[in-house]
Amino acid sequence: MHTIKVQGRNNKHRVLLYVLSTCPWCKKEKQLLRDNNIEFEYVDVDLCNDEDYEKIRSDILSRGGRFSFPAVIIDDRILINGFREDEIKKALEI
């Protein structure tokens, strides 16, 4: 699976985003992280091959989430579906 890393001064948490390349909410979520200098990685799910797509789908569902985007996983234990700015800020302590 191809992840893209975005550097940031704040790397206190491990942040992984599953996004769609054309989704405006996904773009807002990435911008929120950039604006707060959060280091993160992301995967454009719609550009993945079928095998990676299924791995991502399984990962999100196994964490009790919905297969919708954006989906952010923080420290490999917190899953937030959708652009939930307040929840993201609280989880990232920003």
PDB file of N, CA and C in Angstrom:
ATOM      1  N   MET A   1       0.853  -1.177   0.000  1.00  0.00           N
ATOM      2  CA  MET A   1       0.000   0.000   0.000  1.00  0.00           C
ATOM      3  C   MET A   1       0.895   1.234   0.000  1.00  0.00           C
ATOM      4  N   HIS A   2       0.584   2.178  -0.853  1.00  0.00           N
ATOM      5  CA  HIS A   2       1.401   3.380  -0.995  1.00  0.00           C
ATOM      6  C   HIS A   2       0.891   4.484  -0.068  1.00  0.00           C
ATOM      7  N   THR A   3       1.712   4.822   0.941  1.00  0.00           N
ATOM      8  CA  THR A   3       1.361   5.929   1.830  1.00  0.00           C
ATOM      9  C   THR A   3       2.229   7.129   1.484  1.00  0.00           C
ATOM     10  N   ILE A   4       1.667   8.297   1.677  1.00  0.00           N
ATOM     11  CA  ILE A   4       2.381   9.544   1.448  1.00  0.00           C
ATOM     12  C   ILE A   4       2.577  10.197   2.810  1.00  0.00           C
ATOM     13  N   LYS A   5       3.826  10.549   3.108  1.00  0.00           N
ATOM     14  CA  LYS A   5       4.140  11.144   4.404  1.00  0.00           C
ATOM     15  C   LYS A   5       4.227  12.659   4.260  1.00  0.00           C
ATOM     16  N   VAL A   6       3.569  13.345   5.195  1.00  0.00           N
ATOM     17  CA  VAL A   6       3.611  14.801   5.259  1.00  0.00           C
ATOM     18  C   VAL A   6       4.343  15.160   6.544  1.00  0.00           C
ATOM     19  N   GLN A   7       5.455  15.847   6.397  1.00  0.00           N
ATOM     20  CA  GLN A   7       6.264  16.227   7.548  1.00  0.00           C
ATOM     21  C   GLN A   7       5.564  17.304   8.372  1.00  0.00           C
ATOM     22  N   GLY A   8       5.804  17.264   9.670  1.00  0.00           N
ATOM     23  CA  GLY A   8       5.269  18.276  10.571  1.00  0.00           C
ATOM     24  C   GLY A   8       6.117  18.334  11.830  1.00  0.00           C
ATOM     25  N   ARG A   9       6.127  19.472  12.473  1.00  0.00           N
ATOM     26  CA  ARG A   9       6.906  19.620  13.708  1.00  0.00           C
ATOM     27  C   ARG A   9       6.305  18.795  14.852  1.00  0.00           C
ATOM     28  N   ASN A  10       4.986  18.623  14.820  1.00  0.00           N
ATOM     29  CA  ASN A  10       4.309  17.885  15.885  1.00  0.00           C
ATOM     30  C   ASN A  10       4.172  16.416  15.461  1.00  0.00           C
ATOM     31  N   ASN A  11       5.060  15.580  15.990  1.00  0.00           N
ATOM     32  CA  ASN A  11       4.997  14.147  15.667  1.00  0.00           C
ATOM     33  C   ASN A  11       4.772  13.315  16.929  1.00  0.00           C
ATOM     34  N   LYS A  12       4.064  13.910  17.877  1.00  0.00           N
ATOM     35  CA  LYS A  12       3.761  13.247  19.146  1.00  0.00           C
ATOM     36  C   LYS A  12       2.884  12.010  18.938  1.00  0.00           C
ATOM     37  N   HIS A  13       2.013  12.068  17.931  1.00  0.00           N
ATOM     38  CA  HIS A  13       1.090  10.970  17.648  1.00  0.00           C
ATOM     39  C   HIS A  13       1.357  10.407  16.257  1.00  0.00           C
ATOM     40  N   ARG A  14       1.078   9.123  16.093  1.00  0.00           N
ATOM     41  CA  ARG A  14       1.133   8.514  14.768  1.00  0.00           C
ATOM     42  C   ARG A  14      -0.252   8.698  14.143  1.00  0.00           C
ATOM     43  N   VAL A  15      -0.293   9.370  13.009  1.00  0.00           N
ATOM     44  CA  VAL A  15      -1.561   9.699  12.369  1.00  0.00           C
ATOM     45  C   VAL A  15      -1.579   9.114  10.959  1.00  0.00           C
ATOM     46  N   LEU A  16      -2.601   8.313  10.686  1.00  0.00           N
ATOM     47  CA  LEU A  16      -2.802   7.731   9.363  1.00  0.00           C
ATOM     48  C   LEU A  16      -4.194   8.104   8.876  1.00  0.00           C
ATOM     49  N   LEU A  17      -4.250   8.673   7.680  1.00  0.00           N
ATOM     50  CA  LEU A  17      -5.529   9.040   7.073  1.00  0.00           C
ATOM     51  C   LEU A  17      -5.816   8.127   5.897  1.00  0.00           C
ATOM     52  N   TYR A  18      -7.043   7.668   5.815  1.00  0.00           N
ATOM     53  CA  TYR A  18      -7.549   7.028   4.613  1.00  0.00           C
ATOM     54  C   TYR A  18      -8.475   8.050   3.965  1.00  0.00           C
ATOM     55  N   VAL A  19      -8.145   8.445   2.747  1.00  0.00           N
ATOM     56  CA  VAL A  19      -8.888   9.510   2.072  1.00  0.00           C
ATOM     57  C   VAL A  19      -9.190   9.110   0.629  1.00  0.00           C
ATOM     58  N   LEU A  20     -10.044   9.916   0.009  1.00  0.00           N
ATOM     59  CA  LEU A  20     -10.291   9.818  -1.431  1.00  0.00           C
ATOM     60  C   LEU A  20      -9.661  11.039  -2.077  1.00  0.00           C
ATOM     61  N   SER A  21      -9.032  10.858  -3.205  1.00  0.00           N
ATOM     62  CA  SER A  21      -8.284  11.940  -3.836  1.00  0.00           C
ATOM     63  C   SER A  21      -9.165  13.110  -4.266  1.00  0.00           C
ATOM     64  N   THR A  22     -10.455  12.876  -4.450  1.00  0.00           N
ATOM     65  CA  THR A  22     -11.361  13.927  -4.932  1.00  0.00           C
ATOM     66  C   THR A  22     -12.318  14.455  -3.869  1.00  0.00           C
ATOM     67  N   CYS A  23     -12.180  13.999  -2.646  1.00  0.00           N
ATOM     68  CA  CYS A  23     -13.131  14.322  -1.576  1.00  0.00           C
ATOM     69  C   CYS A  23     -12.798  15.664  -0.922  1.00  0.00           C
ATOM     70  N   PRO A  24     -13.736  16.621  -0.934  1.00  0.00           N
ATOM     71  CA  PRO A  24     -13.457  17.920  -0.308  1.00  0.00           C
ATOM     72  C   PRO A  24     -13.273  17.829   1.211  1.00  0.00           C
ATOM     73  N   TRP A  25     -13.977  16.925   1.881  1.00  0.00           N
ATOM     74  CA  TRP A  25     -13.823  16.770   3.331  1.00  0.00           C
ATOM     75  C   TRP A  25     -12.462  16.179   3.667  1.00  0.00           C
ATOM     76  N   CYS A  26     -11.991  15.286   2.807  1.00  0.00           N
ATOM     77  CA  CYS A  26     -10.660  14.701   2.993  1.00  0.00           C
ATOM     78  C   CYS A  26      -9.591  15.788   2.863  1.00  0.00           C
ATOM     79  N   LYS A  27      -9.772  16.662   1.904  1.00  0.00           N
ATOM     80  CA  LYS A  27      -8.828  17.766   1.717  1.00  0.00           C
ATOM     81  C   LYS A  27      -8.839  18.703   2.920  1.00  0.00           C
ATOM     82  N   LYS A  28     -10.024  18.947   3.484  1.00  0.00           N
ATOM     83  CA  LYS A  28     -10.118  19.798   4.678  1.00  0.00           C
ATOM     84  C   LYS A  28      -9.396  19.158   5.862  1.00  0.00           C
ATOM     85  N   GLU A  29      -9.526  17.854   5.992  1.00  0.00           N
ATOM     86  CA  GLU A  29      -8.872  17.163   7.108  1.00  0.00           C
ATOM     87  C   GLU A  29      -7.350  17.233   6.971  1.00  0.00           C
ATOM     88  N   LYS A  30      -6.840  17.014   5.764  1.00  0.00           N
ATOM     89  CA  LYS A  30      -5.395  17.129   5.548  1.00  0.00           C
ATOM     90  C   LYS A  30      -4.929  18.556   5.823  1.00  0.00           C
ATOM     91  N   GLN A  31      -5.718  19.543   5.421  1.00  0.00           N
ATOM     92  CA  GLN A  31      -5.342  20.933   5.649  1.00  0.00           C
ATOM     93  C   GLN A  31      -5.337  21.268   7.143  1.00  0.00           C
ATOM     94  N   LEU A  32      -6.296  20.743   7.880  1.00  0.00           N
ATOM     95  CA  LEU A  32      -6.328  20.932   9.337  1.00  0.00           C
ATOM     96  C   LEU A  32      -5.030  20.432   9.963  1.00  0.00           C
ATOM     97  N   LEU A  33      -4.578  19.259   9.546  1.00  0.00           N
ATOM     98  CA  LEU A  33      -3.353  18.695  10.087  1.00  0.00           C
ATOM     99  C   LEU A  33      -2.143  19.547   9.688  1.00  0.00           C
ATOM    100  N   ARG A  34      -2.104  19.963   8.432  1.00  0.00           N
ATOM    101  CA  ARG A  34      -0.997  20.823   7.983  1.00  0.00           C
ATOM    102  C   ARG A  34      -0.974  22.146   8.748  1.00  0.00           C
ATOM    103  N   ASP A  35      -2.141  22.754   8.916  1.00  0.00           N
ATOM    104  CA  ASP A  35      -2.236  24.045   9.610  1.00  0.00           C
ATOM    105  C   ASP A  35      -1.735  23.965  11.047  1.00  0.00           C
ATOM    106  N   ASN A  36      -1.822  22.765  11.628  1.00  0.00           N
ATOM    107  CA  ASN A  36      -1.386  22.565  13.013  1.00  0.00           C
ATOM    108  C   ASN A  36      -0.036  21.854  13.091  1.00  0.00           C
ATOM    109  N   ASN A  37       0.671  21.809  11.963  1.00  0.00           N
ATOM    110  CA  ASN A  37       2.013  21.211  11.891  1.00  0.00           C
ATOM    111  C   ASN A  37       2.071  19.776  12.403  1.00  0.00           C
ATOM    112  N   ILE A  38       1.004  19.021  12.155  1.00  0.00           N
ATOM    113  CA  ILE A  38       0.941  17.623  12.561  1.00  0.00           C
ATOM    114  C   ILE A  38       1.592  16.765  11.478  1.00  0.00           C
ATOM    115  N   GLU A  39       2.494  15.905  11.864  1.00  0.00           N
ATOM    116  CA  GLU A  39       3.066  14.951  10.918  1.00  0.00           C
ATOM    117  C   GLU A  39       2.044  13.833  10.710  1.00  0.00           C
ATOM    118  N   PHE A  40       1.817  13.448   9.459  1.00  0.00           N
ATOM    119  CA  PHE A  40       0.856  12.386   9.185  1.00  0.00           C
ATOM    120  C   PHE A  40       1.184  11.675   7.888  1.00  0.00           C
ATOM    121  N   GLU A  41       0.556  10.529   7.734  1.00  0.00           N
ATOM    122  CA  GLU A  41       0.631   9.771   6.496  1.00  0.00           C
ATOM    123  C   GLU A  41      -0.786   9.605   5.982  1.00  0.00           C
ATOM    124  N   TYR A  42      -0.908   9.504   4.662  1.00  0.00           N
ATOM    125  CA  TYR A  42      -2.229   9.261   4.106  1.00  0.00           C
ATOM    126  C   TYR A  42      -2.166   8.336   2.905  1.00  0.00           C
ATOM    127  N   VAL A  43      -3.323   7.715   2.641  1.00  0.00           N
ATOM    128  CA  VAL A  43      -3.484   6.811   1.512  1.00  0.00           C
ATOM    129  C   VAL A  43      -4.700   7.277   0.730  1.00  0.00           C
ATOM    130  N   ASP A  44      -4.519   7.482  -0.569  1.00  0.00           N
ATOM    131  CA  ASP A  44      -5.647   7.775  -1.463  1.00  0.00           C
ATOM    132  C   ASP A  44      -6.280   6.431  -1.827  1.00  0.00           C
ATOM    133  N   VAL A  45      -7.333   6.079  -1.121  1.00  0.00           N
ATOM    134  CA  VAL A  45      -7.943   4.753  -1.253  1.00  0.00           C
ATOM    135  C   VAL A  45      -8.467   4.513  -2.666  1.00  0.00           C
ATOM    136  N   ASP A  46      -9.008   5.552  -3.295  1.00  0.00           N
ATOM    137  CA  ASP A  46      -9.554   5.382  -4.640  1.00  0.00           C
ATOM    138  C   ASP A  46      -8.478   5.134  -5.696  1.00  0.00           C
ATOM    139  N   LEU A  47      -7.223   5.321  -5.354  1.00  0.00           N
ATOM    140  CA  LEU A  47      -6.124   5.075  -6.287  1.00  0.00           C
ATOM    141  C   LEU A  47      -5.397   3.763  -5.997  1.00  0.00           C
ATOM    142  N   CYS A  48      -5.879   3.009  -5.002  1.00  0.00           N
ATOM    143  CA  CYS A  48      -5.260   1.738  -4.617  1.00  0.00           C
ATOM    144  C   CYS A  48      -5.690   0.612  -5.544  1.00  0.00           C
ATOM    145  N   ASN A  49      -4.885  -0.443  -5.558  1.00  0.00           N
ATOM    146  CA  ASN A  49      -5.301  -1.651  -6.274  1.00  0.00           C
ATOM    147  C   ASN A  49      -6.346  -2.390  -5.435  1.00  0.00           C
ATOM    148  N   ASP A  50      -6.966  -3.387  -6.014  1.00  0.00           N
ATOM    149  CA  ASP A  50      -8.060  -4.111  -5.344  1.00  0.00           C
ATOM    150  C   ASP A  50      -7.618  -4.753  -4.033  1.00  0.00           C
ATOM    151  N   GLU A  51      -6.414  -5.306  -4.002  1.00  0.00           N
ATOM    152  CA  GLU A  51      -5.927  -5.978  -2.793  1.00  0.00           C
ATOM    153  C   GLU A  51      -5.766  -4.970  -1.645  1.00  0.00           C
ATOM    154  N   ASP A  52      -5.145  -3.836  -1.910  1.00  0.00           N
ATOM    155  CA  ASP A  52      -4.966  -2.817  -0.868  1.00  0.00           C
ATOM    156  C   ASP A  52      -6.306  -2.223  -0.449  1.00  0.00           C
ATOM    157  N   TYR A  53      -7.194  -2.035  -1.408  1.00  0.00           N
ATOM    158  CA  TYR A  53      -8.534  -1.519  -1.114  1.00  0.00           C
ATOM    159  C   TYR A  53      -9.226  -2.419  -0.093  1.00  0.00           C
ATOM    160  N   GLU A  54      -9.145  -3.722  -0.295  1.00  0.00           N
ATOM    161  CA  GLU A  54      -9.780  -4.669   0.631  1.00  0.00           C
ATOM    162  C   GLU A  54      -9.100  -4.666   2.000  1.00  0.00           C
ATOM    163  N   LYS A  55      -7.772  -4.511   2.031  1.00  0.00           N
ATOM    164  CA  LYS A  55      -7.053  -4.433   3.308  1.00  0.00           C
ATOM    165  C   LYS A  55      -7.503  -3.206   4.100  1.00  0.00           C
ATOM    166  N   ILE A  56      -7.647  -2.089   3.415  1.00  0.00           N
ATOM    167  CA  ILE A  56      -8.081  -0.850   4.068  1.00  0.00           C
ATOM    168  C   ILE A  56      -9.504  -0.997   4.569  1.00  0.00           C
ATOM    169  N   ARG A  57     -10.368  -1.538   3.731  1.00  0.00           N
ATOM    170  CA  ARG A  57     -11.774  -1.762   4.110  1.00  0.00           C
ATOM    171  C   ARG A  57     -11.841  -2.635   5.366  1.00  0.00           C
ATOM    172  N   SER A  58     -11.078  -3.714   5.368  1.00  0.00           N
ATOM    173  CA  SER A  58     -11.062  -4.628   6.508  1.00  0.00           C
ATOM    174  C   SER A  58     -10.507  -3.933   7.756  1.00  0.00           C
ATOM    175  N   ASP A  59      -9.454  -3.122   7.595  1.00  0.00           N
ATOM    176  CA  ASP A  59      -8.852  -2.412   8.725  1.00  0.00           C
ATOM    177  C   ASP A  59      -9.867  -1.484   9.376  1.00  0.00           C
ATOM    178  N   ILE A  60     -10.558  -0.699   8.579  1.00  0.00           N
ATOM    179  CA  ILE A  60     -11.538   0.250   9.118  1.00  0.00           C
ATOM    180  C   ILE A  60     -12.686  -0.483   9.800  1.00  0.00           C
ATOM    181  N   LEU A  61     -13.233  -1.494   9.147  1.00  0.00           N
ATOM    182  CA  LEU A  61     -14.370  -2.217   9.716  1.00  0.00           C
ATOM    183  C   LEU A  61     -13.984  -2.983  10.977  1.00  0.00           C
ATOM    184  N   SER A  62     -12.765  -3.539  11.025  1.00  0.00           N
ATOM    185  CA  SER A  62     -12.333  -4.296  12.207  1.00  0.00           C
ATOM    186  C   SER A  62     -12.169  -3.383  13.425  1.00  0.00           C
ATOM    187  N   ARG A  63     -12.018  -2.092  13.197  1.00  0.00           N
ATOM    188  CA  ARG A  63     -11.901  -1.130  14.291  1.00  0.00           C
ATOM    189  C   ARG A  63     -13.264  -0.572  14.711  1.00  0.00           C
ATOM    190  N   GLY A  64     -14.316  -1.097  14.099  1.00  0.00           N
ATOM    191  CA  GLY A  64     -15.668  -0.670  14.449  1.00  0.00           C
ATOM    192  C   GLY A  64     -16.129   0.576  13.708  1.00  0.00           C
ATOM    193  N   GLY A  65     -15.388   0.963  12.680  1.00  0.00           N
ATOM    194  CA  GLY A  65     -15.754   2.153  11.917  1.00  0.00           C
ATOM    195  C   GLY A  65     -16.638   1.840  10.730  1.00  0.00           C
ATOM    196  N   ARG A  66     -17.040   2.898  10.055  1.00  0.00           N
ATOM    197  CA  ARG A  66     -17.787   2.779   8.810  1.00  0.00           C
ATOM    198  C   ARG A  66     -16.791   2.921   7.662  1.00  0.00           C
ATOM    199  N   PHE A  67     -17.053   2.270   6.561  1.00  0.00           N
ATOM    200  CA  PHE A  67     -16.181   2.390   5.392  1.00  0.00           C
ATOM    201  C   PHE A  67     -16.566   3.660   4.647  1.00  0.00           C
ATOM    202  N   SER A  68     -16.166   4.792   5.233  1.00  0.00           N
ATOM    203  CA  SER A  68     -16.444   6.110   4.666  1.00  0.00           C
ATOM    204  C   SER A  68     -15.209   6.973   4.882  1.00  0.00           C
ATOM    205  N   PHE A  69     -15.176   8.067   4.192  1.00  0.00           N
ATOM    206  CA  PHE A  69     -13.961   8.886   4.194  1.00  0.00           C
ATOM    207  C   PHE A  69     -14.274  10.343   4.446  1.00  0.00           C
ATOM    208  N   PRO A  70     -13.339  11.043   5.102  1.00  0.00           N
ATOM    209  CA  PRO A  70     -12.050  10.566   5.569  1.00  0.00           C
ATOM    210  C   PRO A  70     -12.183   9.682   6.808  1.00  0.00           C
ATOM    211  N   ALA A  71     -11.184   8.852   6.992  1.00  0.00           N
ATOM    212  CA  ALA A  71     -11.071   8.045   8.210  1.00  0.00           C
ATOM    213  C   ALA A  71      -9.657   8.262   8.732  1.00  0.00           C
ATOM    214  N   VAL A  72      -9.543   8.654   9.985  1.00  0.00           N
ATOM    215  CA  VAL A  72      -8.232   8.892  10.585  1.00  0.00           C
ATOM    216  C   VAL A  72      -8.016   7.900  11.720  1.00  0.00           C
ATOM    217  N   ILE A  73      -6.813   7.344  11.761  1.00  0.00           N
ATOM    218  CA  ILE A  73      -6.431   6.436  12.839  1.00  0.00           C
ATOM    219  C   ILE A  73      -5.269   7.100  13.570  1.00  0.00           C
ATOM    220  N   ILE A  74      -5.459   7.303  14.864  1.00  0.00           N
ATOM    221  CA  ILE A  74      -4.467   7.986  15.691  1.00  0.00           C
ATOM    222  C   ILE A  74      -3.863   6.984  16.671  1.00  0.00           C
ATOM    223  N   ASP A  75      -2.548   6.899  16.645  1.00  0.00           N
ATOM    224  CA  ASP A  75      -1.795   6.001  17.537  1.00  0.00           C
ATOM    225  C   ASP A  75      -2.261   4.549  17.444  1.00  0.00           C
ATOM    226  N   ASP A  76      -2.758   4.174  16.288  1.00  0.00           N
ATOM    227  CA  ASP A  76      -3.195   2.802  16.009  1.00  0.00           C
ATOM    228  C   ASP A  76      -4.307   2.317  16.939  1.00  0.00           C
ATOM    229  N   ARG A  77      -5.006   3.265  17.599  1.00  0.00           N
ATOM    230  CA  ARG A  77      -6.080   2.826  18.507  1.00  0.00           C
ATOM    231  C   ARG A  77      -7.339   3.671  18.435  1.00  0.00           C
ATOM    232  N   ILE A  78      -7.253   4.904  17.968  1.00  0.00           N
ATOM    233  CA  ILE A  78      -8.428   5.770  17.876  1.00  0.00           C
ATOM    234  C   ILE A  78      -8.810   5.926  16.410  1.00  0.00           C
ATOM    235  N   LEU A  79     -10.056   5.598  16.072  1.00  0.00           N
ATOM    236  CA  LEU A  79     -10.567   5.774  14.711  1.00  0.00           C
ATOM    237  C   LEU A  79     -11.648   6.843  14.735  1.00  0.00           C
ATOM    238  N   ILE A  80     -11.511   7.820  13.857  1.00  0.00           N
ATOM    239  CA  ILE A  80     -12.530   8.859  13.715  1.00  0.00           C
ATOM    240  C   ILE A  80     -12.961   8.879  12.258  1.00  0.00           C
ATOM    241  N   ASN A  81     -14.236   8.584  12.033  1.00  0.00           N
ATOM    242  CA  ASN A  81     -14.810   8.632  10.684  1.00  0.00           C
ATOM    243  C   ASN A  81     -15.356  10.022  10.407  1.00  0.00           C
ATOM    244  N   GLY A  82     -15.121  10.525   9.205  1.00  0.00           N
ATOM    245  CA  GLY A  82     -15.654  11.825   8.810  1.00  0.00           C
ATOM    246  C   GLY A  82     -14.771  12.960   9.300  1.00  0.00           C
ATOM    247  N   PHE A  83     -15.073  14.153   8.824  1.00  0.00           N
ATOM    248  CA  PHE A  83     -14.318  15.331   9.244  1.00  0.00           C
ATOM    249  C   PHE A  83     -14.942  15.853  10.528  1.00  0.00           C
ATOM    250  N   ARG A  84     -14.394  15.411  11.650  1.00  0.00           N
ATOM    251  CA  ARG A  84     -14.861  15.781  12.985  1.00  0.00           C
ATOM    252  C   ARG A  84     -13.760  16.597  13.645  1.00  0.00           C
ATOM    253  N   GLU A  85     -13.709  17.878  13.317  1.00  0.00           N
ATOM    254  CA  GLU A  85     -12.607  18.734  13.738  1.00  0.00           C
ATOM    255  C   GLU A  85     -12.384  18.717  15.243  1.00  0.00           C
ATOM    256  N   ASP A  86     -13.445  18.843  16.023  1.00  0.00           N
ATOM    257  CA  ASP A  86     -13.304  18.865  17.477  1.00  0.00           C
ATOM    258  C   ASP A  86     -12.734  17.559  18.021  1.00  0.00           C
ATOM    259  N   GLU A  87     -13.218  16.426  17.509  1.00  0.00           N
ATOM    260  CA  GLU A  87     -12.723  15.127  17.954  1.00  0.00           C
ATOM    261  C   GLU A  87     -11.260  14.923  17.586  1.00  0.00           C
ATOM    262  N   ILE A  88     -10.905  15.350  16.396  1.00  0.00           N
ATOM    263  CA  ILE A  88      -9.520  15.210  15.937  1.00  0.00           C
ATOM    264  C   ILE A  88      -8.593  16.062  16.801  1.00  0.00           C
ATOM    265  N   LYS A  89      -8.994  17.320  17.037  1.00  0.00           N
ATOM    266  CA  LYS A  89      -8.171  18.206  17.853  1.00  0.00           C
ATOM    267  C   LYS A  89      -8.008  17.656  19.273  1.00  0.00           C
ATOM    268  N   LYS A  90      -9.073  17.113  19.820  1.00  0.00           N
ATOM    269  CA  LYS A  90      -9.001  16.556  21.180  1.00  0.00           C
ATOM    270  C   LYS A  90      -8.048  15.353  21.209  1.00  0.00           C
ATOM    271  N   ALA A  91      -8.192  14.456  20.248  1.00  0.00           N
ATOM    272  CA  ALA A  91      -7.349  13.267  20.217  1.00  0.00           C
ATOM    273  C   ALA A  91      -5.877  13.614  20.002  1.00  0.00           C
ATOM    274  N   LEU A  92      -5.625  14.690  19.244  1.00  0.00           N
ATOM    275  CA  LEU A  92      -4.244  15.101  18.960  1.00  0.00           C
ATOM    276  C   LEU A  92      -3.712  16.136  19.942  1.00  0.00           C
ATOM    277  N   GLU A  93      -4.573  16.521  20.893  1.00  0.00           N
ATOM    278  CA  GLU A  93      -4.195  17.494  21.924  1.00  0.00           C
ATOM    279  C   GLU A  93      -3.732  18.824  21.315  1.00  0.00           C
ATOM    280  N   ILE A  94      -4.535  19.326  20.360  1.00  0.00           N
ATOM    281  CA  ILE A  94      -4.206  20.621  19.736  1.00  0.00           C
ATOM    282  C   ILE A  94      -5.339  21.604  19.938  1.00  0.00           C
TER     283      ILE A  94
END
